[in-house]
Amino acid sequence: MTISSRLPDRVDPRRLAATQARLEGHWPLTDLPRLASSLYWSRDSADMADARLVLDFGEDEQRRVVMDGQLSATVPLVCQRCLASVAWPIHVTVRLTMVRDDDAAAEVPRDREPLVLDDDSLAVGALVDDELILALPLAAHCNNNDCSRSEPAPREGGKRRDNPFAGLADWKRGN
């Protein structure tokens, strides 16, 4: 069973695992509230509207519900060197095992991440939001060749201010 295009907000992972279902489609970045608040939207970011995802459900040897998936998106961020818009590609591989409590989470193999479900449903949008946020860089930057400015711009009047710590360097040399 394959579900394509616009994905449902909530799914029953146990039912999907029983049929070894695949969810495949797009999720609008604007529908991911926490991720969207971290992005830099401009006219140039119109082609970065969706995250693409493929999620495969199944069961492991202990009959636990597992999900393997791929998430990818190109998100608009701000270069921390030149403050220009940067199209940042994100590719995430997820390997999750659905569990009911922390005790069951402790028994999940190391090659998988446990996902504690409060009820019998999985919020697909929240999962996509979380995984893409975790994949964001600490400080985005342009490629070195593309970055138009590596030093801060001069202040008003065209003059740079003196370094307030320059006197300490002279003092250190004197001692």
N, C-alpha and C. Protein backbone atom coordinates (compact mmCIF):
# COMPACT_ATOMS: atom_id res chain seq x y z
N MET A 1 0.85 -1.18 0.00
CA MET A 1 0.00 0.00 0.00
C MET A 1 0.89 1.24 0.00
N THR A 2 0.63 2.16 -0.89
CA THR A 2 1.38 3.41 -0.98
C THR A 2 0.41 4.57 -0.94
N ILE A 3 0.74 5.54 -0.08
CA ILE A 3 -0.06 6.76 -0.02
C ILE A 3 0.82 7.88 -0.56
N SER A 4 0.38 8.54 -1.63
CA SER A 4 1.19 9.57 -2.27
C SER A 4 0.52 10.94 -2.19
N SER A 5 1.25 11.94 -2.62
CA SER A 5 0.86 13.35 -2.69
C SER A 5 0.68 13.94 -1.29
N ARG A 6 -0.43 14.64 -1.05
CA ARG A 6 -0.65 15.30 0.24
C ARG A 6 -0.89 14.23 1.30
N LEU A 7 -0.06 14.25 2.32
CA LEU A 7 -0.11 13.21 3.34
C LEU A 7 -1.07 13.59 4.45
N PRO A 8 -1.64 12.61 5.14
CA PRO A 8 -2.55 12.92 6.25
C PRO A 8 -1.77 13.50 7.44
N ASP A 9 -2.46 14.30 8.25
CA ASP A 9 -1.81 14.90 9.42
C ASP A 9 -1.43 13.85 10.45
N ARG A 10 -2.29 12.87 10.65
CA ARG A 10 -2.04 11.81 11.63
C ARG A 10 -2.26 10.46 10.95
N VAL A 11 -1.41 9.49 11.33
CA VAL A 11 -1.55 8.14 10.81
C VAL A 11 -1.47 7.14 11.96
N ASP A 12 -1.97 5.96 11.73
CA ASP A 12 -1.88 4.86 12.69
C ASP A 12 -0.69 3.99 12.27
N PRO A 13 0.46 4.12 12.95
CA PRO A 13 1.65 3.39 12.50
C PRO A 13 1.50 1.87 12.59
N ARG A 14 0.74 1.37 13.55
CA ARG A 14 0.54 -0.08 13.67
C ARG A 14 -0.20 -0.62 12.45
N ARG A 15 -1.23 0.09 12.01
CA ARG A 15 -1.99 -0.34 10.84
C ARG A 15 -1.13 -0.26 9.58
N LEU A 16 -0.33 0.79 9.47
CA LEU A 16 0.55 0.94 8.31
C LEU A 16 1.63 -0.14 8.31
N ALA A 17 2.14 -0.50 9.49
CA ALA A 17 3.17 -1.54 9.58
C ALA A 17 2.61 -2.90 9.20
N ALA A 18 1.36 -3.16 9.57
CA ALA A 18 0.74 -4.45 9.26
C ALA A 18 0.64 -4.67 7.75
N THR A 19 0.49 -3.60 6.99
CA THR A 19 0.39 -3.71 5.53
C THR A 19 1.69 -3.32 4.83
N GLN A 20 2.74 -3.06 5.62
CA GLN A 20 4.03 -2.60 5.09
C GLN A 20 3.85 -1.42 4.12
N ALA A 21 3.15 -0.43 4.61
CA ALA A 21 2.79 0.72 3.79
C ALA A 21 3.96 1.67 3.59
N ARG A 22 3.86 2.43 2.53
CA ARG A 22 4.82 3.49 2.22
C ARG A 22 4.05 4.79 2.08
N LEU A 23 4.47 5.81 2.81
CA LEU A 23 3.93 7.16 2.64
C LEU A 23 4.96 7.93 1.82
N GLU A 24 4.49 8.52 0.74
CA GLU A 24 5.39 9.23 -0.15
C GLU A 24 4.70 10.50 -0.59
N GLY A 25 5.36 11.62 -0.42
CA GLY A 25 4.74 12.85 -0.84
C GLY A 25 5.52 14.09 -0.43
N HIS A 26 4.81 15.19 -0.38
CA HIS A 26 5.40 16.49 -0.07
C HIS A 26 4.68 17.07 1.15
N TRP A 27 5.43 17.85 1.92
CA TRP A 27 4.84 18.55 3.06
C TRP A 27 5.26 20.01 2.94
N PRO A 28 4.32 20.95 2.86
CA PRO A 28 4.69 22.37 2.73
C PRO A 28 5.50 22.85 3.93
N LEU A 29 6.61 23.52 3.66
CA LEU A 29 7.44 24.05 4.74
C LEU A 29 6.68 25.07 5.58
N THR A 30 5.74 25.77 4.96
CA THR A 30 4.96 26.76 5.71
C THR A 30 4.01 26.11 6.71
N ASP A 31 3.75 24.79 6.55
CA ASP A 31 2.90 24.06 7.50
C ASP A 31 3.70 23.44 8.64
N LEU A 32 4.99 23.76 8.71
CA LEU A 32 5.86 23.29 9.79
C LEU A 32 6.21 24.52 10.63
N PRO A 33 5.41 24.84 11.64
CA PRO A 33 5.53 26.14 12.29
C PRO A 33 6.88 26.42 12.95
N ARG A 34 7.47 25.44 13.59
CA ARG A 34 8.74 25.71 14.26
C ARG A 34 9.87 25.86 13.26
N LEU A 35 9.89 25.04 12.22
CA LEU A 35 10.91 25.17 11.19
C LEU A 35 10.72 26.47 10.42
N ALA A 36 9.49 26.77 10.03
CA ALA A 36 9.21 27.97 9.22
C ALA A 36 9.66 29.25 9.93
N SER A 37 9.58 29.27 11.26
CA SER A 37 10.00 30.47 12.00
C SER A 37 11.52 30.64 12.00
N SER A 38 12.27 29.60 11.64
CA SER A 38 13.73 29.67 11.60
C SER A 38 14.26 29.98 10.21
N LEU A 39 13.38 30.07 9.23
CA LEU A 39 13.80 30.24 7.85
C LEU A 39 13.73 31.69 7.41
N TYR A 40 14.46 32.00 6.36
CA TYR A 40 14.51 33.36 5.80
C TYR A 40 13.75 33.34 4.48
N TRP A 41 12.53 33.85 4.51
CA TRP A 41 11.68 33.82 3.32
C TRP A 41 11.88 35.06 2.48
N SER A 42 12.02 34.88 1.18
CA SER A 42 12.15 35.98 0.23
C SER A 42 11.52 35.54 -1.09
N ARG A 43 11.55 36.43 -2.08
CA ARG A 43 11.02 36.06 -3.39
C ARG A 43 11.80 34.90 -4.00
N ASP A 44 13.09 34.81 -3.68
CA ASP A 44 13.95 33.76 -4.23
C ASP A 44 13.64 32.39 -3.63
N SER A 45 12.93 32.35 -2.52
CA SER A 45 12.69 31.07 -1.85
C SER A 45 11.37 30.42 -2.27
N ALA A 46 10.76 30.90 -3.34
CA ALA A 46 9.48 30.34 -3.80
C ALA A 46 9.62 28.88 -4.23
N ASP A 47 10.80 28.49 -4.78
CA ASP A 47 10.98 27.11 -5.22
C ASP A 47 11.33 26.18 -4.06
N MET A 48 11.43 26.71 -2.85
CA MET A 48 11.75 25.91 -1.67
C MET A 48 10.51 25.72 -0.82
N ALA A 49 9.41 25.38 -1.44
CA ALA A 49 8.13 25.38 -0.75
C ALA A 49 7.81 24.08 -0.03
N ASP A 50 8.41 22.96 -0.41
CA ASP A 50 8.00 21.67 0.14
C ASP A 50 9.18 20.84 0.62
N ALA A 51 8.90 20.03 1.63
CA ALA A 51 9.80 18.95 2.02
C ALA A 51 9.30 17.69 1.32
N ARG A 52 10.21 16.90 0.81
CA ARG A 52 9.85 15.64 0.18
C ARG A 52 10.14 14.52 1.16
N LEU A 53 9.22 13.56 1.27
CA LEU A 53 9.45 12.48 2.21
C LEU A 53 8.96 11.16 1.69
N VAL A 54 9.66 10.12 2.12
CA VAL A 54 9.30 8.74 1.86
C VAL A 54 9.45 8.02 3.19
N LEU A 55 8.35 7.44 3.70
CA LEU A 55 8.36 6.75 4.98
C LEU A 55 7.85 5.33 4.77
N ASP A 56 8.67 4.35 5.11
CA ASP A 56 8.30 2.94 4.98
C ASP A 56 8.05 2.36 6.37
N PHE A 57 6.88 1.74 6.54
CA PHE A 57 6.50 1.15 7.82
C PHE A 57 6.59 -0.36 7.74
N GLY A 58 6.93 -0.98 8.87
CA GLY A 58 7.02 -2.43 8.95
C GLY A 58 7.15 -2.87 10.39
N GLU A 59 7.50 -4.12 10.58
CA GLU A 59 7.71 -4.67 11.92
C GLU A 59 9.08 -5.32 11.98
N ASP A 60 9.73 -5.26 13.16
CA ASP A 60 11.01 -5.93 13.34
C ASP A 60 10.79 -7.34 13.87
N GLU A 61 11.87 -8.02 14.26
CA GLU A 61 11.78 -9.40 14.72
C GLU A 61 10.94 -9.54 15.99
N GLN A 62 10.91 -8.52 16.83
CA GLN A 62 10.12 -8.54 18.07
C GLN A 62 8.70 -8.00 17.84
N ARG A 63 8.33 -7.82 16.59
CA ARG A 63 7.00 -7.34 16.19
C ARG A 63 6.74 -5.90 16.68
N ARG A 64 7.81 -5.12 16.83
CA ARG A 64 7.66 -3.69 17.13
C ARG A 64 7.48 -2.95 15.81
N VAL A 65 6.73 -1.88 15.86
CA VAL A 65 6.52 -1.06 14.66
C VAL A 65 7.78 -0.25 14.40
N VAL A 66 8.28 -0.35 13.17
CA VAL A 66 9.47 0.41 12.77
C VAL A 66 9.13 1.26 11.55
N MET A 67 9.89 2.33 11.42
CA MET A 67 9.71 3.21 10.27
C MET A 67 11.09 3.62 9.77
N ASP A 68 11.34 3.42 8.50
CA ASP A 68 12.56 3.88 7.84
C ASP A 68 12.14 4.93 6.82
N GLY A 69 12.87 6.03 6.77
CA GLY A 69 12.46 7.06 5.84
C GLY A 69 13.56 7.99 5.41
N GLN A 70 13.23 8.76 4.41
CA GLN A 70 14.11 9.79 3.86
C GLN A 70 13.32 11.09 3.80
N LEU A 71 13.91 12.16 4.32
CA LEU A 71 13.32 13.49 4.22
C LEU A 71 14.33 14.38 3.52
N SER A 72 13.85 15.21 2.63
CA SER A 72 14.76 16.15 1.97
C SER A 72 14.01 17.45 1.69
N ALA A 73 14.76 18.51 1.77
CA ALA A 73 14.21 19.85 1.51
C ALA A 73 15.36 20.78 1.22
N THR A 74 15.07 21.83 0.51
CA THR A 74 16.01 22.94 0.37
C THR A 74 15.37 24.11 1.08
N VAL A 75 16.03 24.57 2.13
CA VAL A 75 15.44 25.60 2.98
C VAL A 75 16.20 26.91 2.83
N PRO A 76 15.47 28.03 2.90
CA PRO A 76 16.13 29.34 2.81
C PRO A 76 16.65 29.78 4.17
N LEU A 77 17.96 29.99 4.25
CA LEU A 77 18.59 30.45 5.48
C LEU A 77 19.37 31.72 5.19
N VAL A 78 19.96 32.31 6.22
CA VAL A 78 20.77 33.51 6.07
C VAL A 78 22.23 33.14 6.26
N CYS A 79 23.07 33.51 5.30
CA CYS A 79 24.51 33.30 5.42
C CYS A 79 25.01 34.13 6.60
N GLN A 80 25.73 33.51 7.49
CA GLN A 80 26.22 34.21 8.67
C GLN A 80 27.50 35.00 8.39
N ARG A 81 28.01 34.91 7.16
CA ARG A 81 29.17 35.71 6.78
C ARG A 81 28.75 37.02 6.10
N CYS A 82 27.84 36.89 5.12
CA CYS A 82 27.49 38.07 4.32
C CYS A 82 26.03 38.49 4.46
N LEU A 83 25.25 37.74 5.21
CA LEU A 83 23.84 38.03 5.49
C LEU A 83 22.94 37.95 4.25
N ALA A 84 23.38 37.23 3.23
CA ALA A 84 22.56 37.01 2.04
C ALA A 84 21.74 35.73 2.23
N SER A 85 20.73 35.59 1.41
CA SER A 85 19.90 34.38 1.44
C SER A 85 20.69 33.21 0.85
N VAL A 86 20.57 32.04 1.51
CA VAL A 86 21.26 30.83 1.07
C VAL A 86 20.26 29.70 0.96
N ALA A 87 20.28 29.00 -0.16
CA ALA A 87 19.44 27.80 -0.31
C ALA A 87 20.23 26.63 0.26
N TRP A 88 19.78 26.11 1.41
CA TRP A 88 20.53 25.08 2.13
C TRP A 88 19.84 23.73 1.94
N PRO A 89 20.51 22.77 1.29
CA PRO A 89 19.89 21.45 1.11
C PRO A 89 19.99 20.62 2.39
N ILE A 90 18.91 19.94 2.71
CA ILE A 90 18.87 19.05 3.88
C ILE A 90 18.41 17.68 3.40
N HIS A 91 19.14 16.66 3.82
CA HIS A 91 18.78 15.27 3.55
C HIS A 91 18.89 14.51 4.86
N VAL A 92 17.80 13.90 5.28
CA VAL A 92 17.75 13.22 6.57
C VAL A 92 17.30 11.78 6.36
N THR A 93 18.00 10.86 7.00
CA THR A 93 17.57 9.47 7.04
C THR A 93 17.06 9.19 8.45
N VAL A 94 15.85 8.65 8.55
CA VAL A 94 15.28 8.33 9.86
C VAL A 94 15.09 6.82 9.96
N ARG A 95 15.41 6.30 11.13
CA ARG A 95 15.21 4.88 11.46
C ARG A 95 14.62 4.85 12.85
N LEU A 96 13.31 4.76 12.92
CA LEU A 96 12.59 4.86 14.18
C LEU A 96 11.91 3.56 14.55
N THR A 97 11.82 3.32 15.86
CA THR A 97 11.01 2.24 16.41
C THR A 97 9.98 2.87 17.33
N MET A 98 8.72 2.59 17.07
CA MET A 98 7.63 3.15 17.87
C MET A 98 7.48 2.35 19.16
N VAL A 99 7.46 3.07 20.30
CA VAL A 99 7.31 2.43 21.61
C VAL A 99 6.27 3.19 22.41
N ARG A 100 5.80 2.56 23.48
CA ARG A 100 4.76 3.17 24.32
C ARG A 100 5.31 3.91 25.54
N ASP A 101 6.51 3.54 26.02
CA ASP A 101 7.05 4.18 27.24
C ASP A 101 8.57 4.17 27.22
N ASP A 102 9.16 4.78 28.23
CA ASP A 102 10.62 4.89 28.31
C ASP A 102 11.29 3.55 28.55
N ASP A 103 10.62 2.65 29.25
CA ASP A 103 11.20 1.32 29.48
C ASP A 103 11.38 0.57 28.16
N ALA A 104 10.37 0.64 27.31
CA ALA A 104 10.46 0.00 26.00
C ALA A 104 11.49 0.72 25.12
N ALA A 105 11.63 2.03 25.29
CA ALA A 105 12.61 2.80 24.51
C ALA A 105 14.03 2.35 24.82
N ALA A 106 14.29 1.95 26.07
CA ALA A 106 15.62 1.51 26.47
C ALA A 106 16.02 0.22 25.78
N GLU A 107 15.07 -0.54 25.28
CA GLU A 107 15.33 -1.83 24.64
C GLU A 107 15.47 -1.74 23.12
N VAL A 108 15.36 -0.56 22.58
CA VAL A 108 15.46 -0.37 21.13
C VAL A 108 16.93 -0.54 20.71
N PRO A 109 17.19 -1.28 19.63
CA PRO A 109 18.59 -1.45 19.16
C PRO A 109 19.25 -0.10 18.88
N ARG A 110 20.57 -0.08 19.01
CA ARG A 110 21.33 1.17 18.86
C ARG A 110 21.27 1.76 17.46
N ASP A 111 20.97 0.97 16.46
CA ASP A 111 20.93 1.51 15.09
C ASP A 111 19.59 2.19 14.78
N ARG A 112 18.72 2.28 15.78
CA ARG A 112 17.41 2.92 15.61
C ARG A 112 17.19 3.91 16.74
N GLU A 113 16.32 4.88 16.48
CA GLU A 113 15.90 5.84 17.50
C GLU A 113 14.51 5.45 17.99
N PRO A 114 14.29 5.47 19.29
CA PRO A 114 12.94 5.20 19.78
C PRO A 114 12.06 6.43 19.61
N LEU A 115 10.81 6.22 19.32
CA LEU A 115 9.83 7.30 19.26
C LEU A 115 8.66 6.89 20.15
N VAL A 116 8.54 7.59 21.28
CA VAL A 116 7.49 7.28 22.24
C VAL A 116 6.20 7.93 21.76
N LEU A 117 5.18 7.10 21.55
CA LEU A 117 3.88 7.58 21.11
C LEU A 117 2.94 7.66 22.31
N ASP A 118 2.32 8.81 22.50
CA ASP A 118 1.37 8.99 23.60
C ASP A 118 0.08 8.23 23.35
N ASP A 119 -0.34 8.21 22.12
CA ASP A 119 -1.54 7.46 21.75
C ASP A 119 -1.17 6.56 20.57
N ASP A 120 -2.13 6.04 19.89
CA ASP A 120 -1.84 5.11 18.79
C ASP A 120 -1.64 5.80 17.46
N SER A 121 -1.45 7.11 17.45
CA SER A 121 -1.28 7.79 16.18
C SER A 121 0.04 8.56 16.15
N LEU A 122 0.51 8.79 14.95
CA LEU A 122 1.75 9.51 14.71
C LEU A 122 1.42 10.79 13.97
N ALA A 123 1.86 11.92 14.50
CA ALA A 123 1.67 13.22 13.85
C ALA A 123 2.80 13.39 12.82
N VAL A 124 2.46 13.21 11.56
CA VAL A 124 3.46 13.23 10.49
C VAL A 124 4.12 14.61 10.41
N GLY A 125 3.35 15.67 10.46
CA GLY A 125 3.91 17.02 10.37
C GLY A 125 4.88 17.31 11.50
N ALA A 126 4.55 16.90 12.71
CA ALA A 126 5.45 17.13 13.86
C ALA A 126 6.75 16.35 13.69
N LEU A 127 6.65 15.14 13.16
CA LEU A 127 7.85 14.35 12.91
C LEU A 127 8.75 15.03 11.87
N VAL A 128 8.16 15.48 10.77
CA VAL A 128 8.93 16.15 9.72
C VAL A 128 9.53 17.44 10.27
N ASP A 129 8.76 18.21 11.02
CA ASP A 129 9.23 19.45 11.66
C ASP A 129 10.45 19.17 12.54
N ASP A 130 10.34 18.18 13.42
CA ASP A 130 11.43 17.84 14.34
C ASP A 130 12.69 17.42 13.59
N GLU A 131 12.55 16.53 12.64
CA GLU A 131 13.72 15.99 11.94
C GLU A 131 14.43 17.06 11.12
N LEU A 132 13.69 17.94 10.47
CA LEU A 132 14.33 18.99 9.68
C LEU A 132 14.99 20.04 10.57
N ILE A 133 14.38 20.35 11.71
CA ILE A 133 15.01 21.28 12.65
C ILE A 133 16.33 20.72 13.15
N LEU A 134 16.35 19.44 13.49
CA LEU A 134 17.58 18.81 13.97
C LEU A 134 18.68 18.81 12.92
N ALA A 135 18.31 18.87 11.64
CA ALA A 135 19.30 18.84 10.56
C ALA A 135 19.79 20.23 10.16
N LEU A 136 19.21 21.28 10.72
CA LEU A 136 19.66 22.64 10.37
C LEU A 136 21.09 22.86 10.85
N PRO A 137 21.87 23.62 10.09
CA PRO A 137 23.24 23.90 10.54
C PRO A 137 23.23 24.91 11.68
N LEU A 138 24.28 24.87 12.46
CA LEU A 138 24.42 25.84 13.55
C LEU A 138 24.56 27.25 12.98
N ALA A 139 25.37 27.38 11.93
CA ALA A 139 25.55 28.67 11.26
C ALA A 139 25.66 28.41 9.76
N ALA A 140 24.64 28.80 9.03
CA ALA A 140 24.66 28.60 7.57
C ALA A 140 25.64 29.57 6.93
N HIS A 141 26.20 29.16 5.80
CA HIS A 141 27.12 30.04 5.09
C HIS A 141 27.11 29.72 3.61
N CYS A 142 27.45 30.72 2.82
CA CYS A 142 27.58 30.54 1.37
C CYS A 142 28.81 29.70 1.08
N ASN A 143 28.89 29.20 -0.15
CA ASN A 143 30.16 28.63 -0.58
C ASN A 143 31.17 29.76 -0.63
N ASN A 144 32.43 29.48 -0.38
CA ASN A 144 33.44 30.54 -0.34
C ASN A 144 33.44 31.39 -1.60
N ASN A 145 33.23 30.78 -2.76
CA ASN A 145 33.24 31.52 -4.01
C ASN A 145 32.02 32.42 -4.16
N ASP A 146 30.91 32.04 -3.52
CA ASP A 146 29.68 32.79 -3.66
C ASP A 146 29.53 33.91 -2.65
N CYS A 147 30.26 33.84 -1.57
CA CYS A 147 30.08 34.81 -0.49
C CYS A 147 30.65 36.16 -0.92
N SER A 148 29.79 37.20 -0.92
CA SER A 148 30.19 38.50 -1.46
C SER A 148 30.95 39.36 -0.47
N ARG A 149 30.87 39.04 0.80
CA ARG A 149 31.54 39.89 1.79
C ARG A 149 31.99 39.03 2.95
N SER A 150 33.28 39.01 3.22
CA SER A 150 33.77 38.22 4.34
C SER A 150 34.07 39.07 5.56
N GLU A 151 34.12 40.40 5.39
CA GLU A 151 34.35 41.30 6.52
C GLU A 151 33.12 42.18 6.71
N PRO A 152 32.89 42.65 7.94
CA PRO A 152 31.77 43.55 8.16
C PRO A 152 31.93 44.83 7.35
N ALA A 153 30.83 45.41 6.94
CA ALA A 153 30.85 46.66 6.19
C ALA A 153 31.31 47.80 7.09
N PRO A 154 31.93 48.83 6.51
CA PRO A 154 32.32 49.98 7.32
C PRO A 154 31.09 50.66 7.92
N ARG A 155 31.27 51.29 9.04
CA ARG A 155 30.17 51.98 9.71
C ARG A 155 29.88 53.29 8.98
N GLU A 156 28.91 54.03 9.49
CA GLU A 156 28.54 55.31 8.88
C GLU A 156 29.76 56.19 8.72
N GLY A 157 29.80 56.93 7.65
CA GLY A 157 30.91 57.83 7.39
C GLY A 157 32.06 57.13 6.70
N GLY A 158 31.97 55.85 6.46
CA GLY A 158 33.00 55.14 5.73
C GLY A 158 34.22 54.79 6.55
N LYS A 159 34.30 55.19 7.82
CA LYS A 159 35.47 54.88 8.63
C LYS A 159 35.18 53.70 9.54
N ARG A 160 36.17 52.87 9.71
CA ARG A 160 36.06 51.78 10.68
C ARG A 160 36.41 52.33 12.05
N ARG A 161 35.74 51.81 13.04
CA ARG A 161 36.06 52.19 14.41
C ARG A 161 37.30 51.44 14.85
N ASP A 162 38.05 52.06 15.69
CA ASP A 162 39.23 51.39 16.23
C ASP A 162 38.82 50.24 17.12
N ASN A 163 39.64 49.23 17.14
CA ASN A 163 39.40 48.08 17.99
C ASN A 163 39.57 48.51 19.44
N PRO A 164 38.57 48.33 20.28
CA PRO A 164 38.69 48.78 21.66
C PRO A 164 39.74 47.99 22.45
N PHE A 165 40.19 46.85 21.93
CA PHE A 165 41.17 46.05 22.64
C PHE A 165 42.59 46.25 22.10
N ALA A 166 42.76 47.15 21.14
CA ALA A 166 44.09 47.39 20.57
C ALA A 166 45.06 47.88 21.65
N GLY A 167 44.58 48.64 22.60
CA GLY A 167 45.44 49.13 23.68
C GLY A 167 45.97 47.99 24.53
N LEU A 168 45.23 46.93 24.68
CA LEU A 168 45.69 45.79 25.46
C LEU A 168 46.87 45.10 24.77
N ALA A 169 46.85 45.06 23.44
CA ALA A 169 47.98 44.45 22.72
C ALA A 169 49.25 45.26 22.95
N ASP A 170 49.14 46.60 22.94
CA ASP A 170 50.31 47.45 23.22
C ASP A 170 50.78 47.25 24.65
N TRP A 171 49.85 47.16 25.59
CA TRP A 171 50.19 46.97 26.99
C TRP A 171 50.88 45.64 27.19
N LYS A 172 50.41 44.60 26.50
CA LYS A 172 51.00 43.26 26.63
C LYS A 172 52.44 43.26 26.11
N ARG A 173 52.69 43.97 25.02
CA ARG A 173 54.04 44.03 24.46
C ARG A 173 54.98 44.77 25.39
N GLY A 174 54.46 45.72 26.12
CA GLY A 174 55.29 46.50 27.04
C GLY A 174 55.67 45.73 28.29
N ASN A 175 54.94 44.71 28.67
CA ASN A 175 55.25 43.93 29.89
C ASN A 175 56.00 42.68 29.58
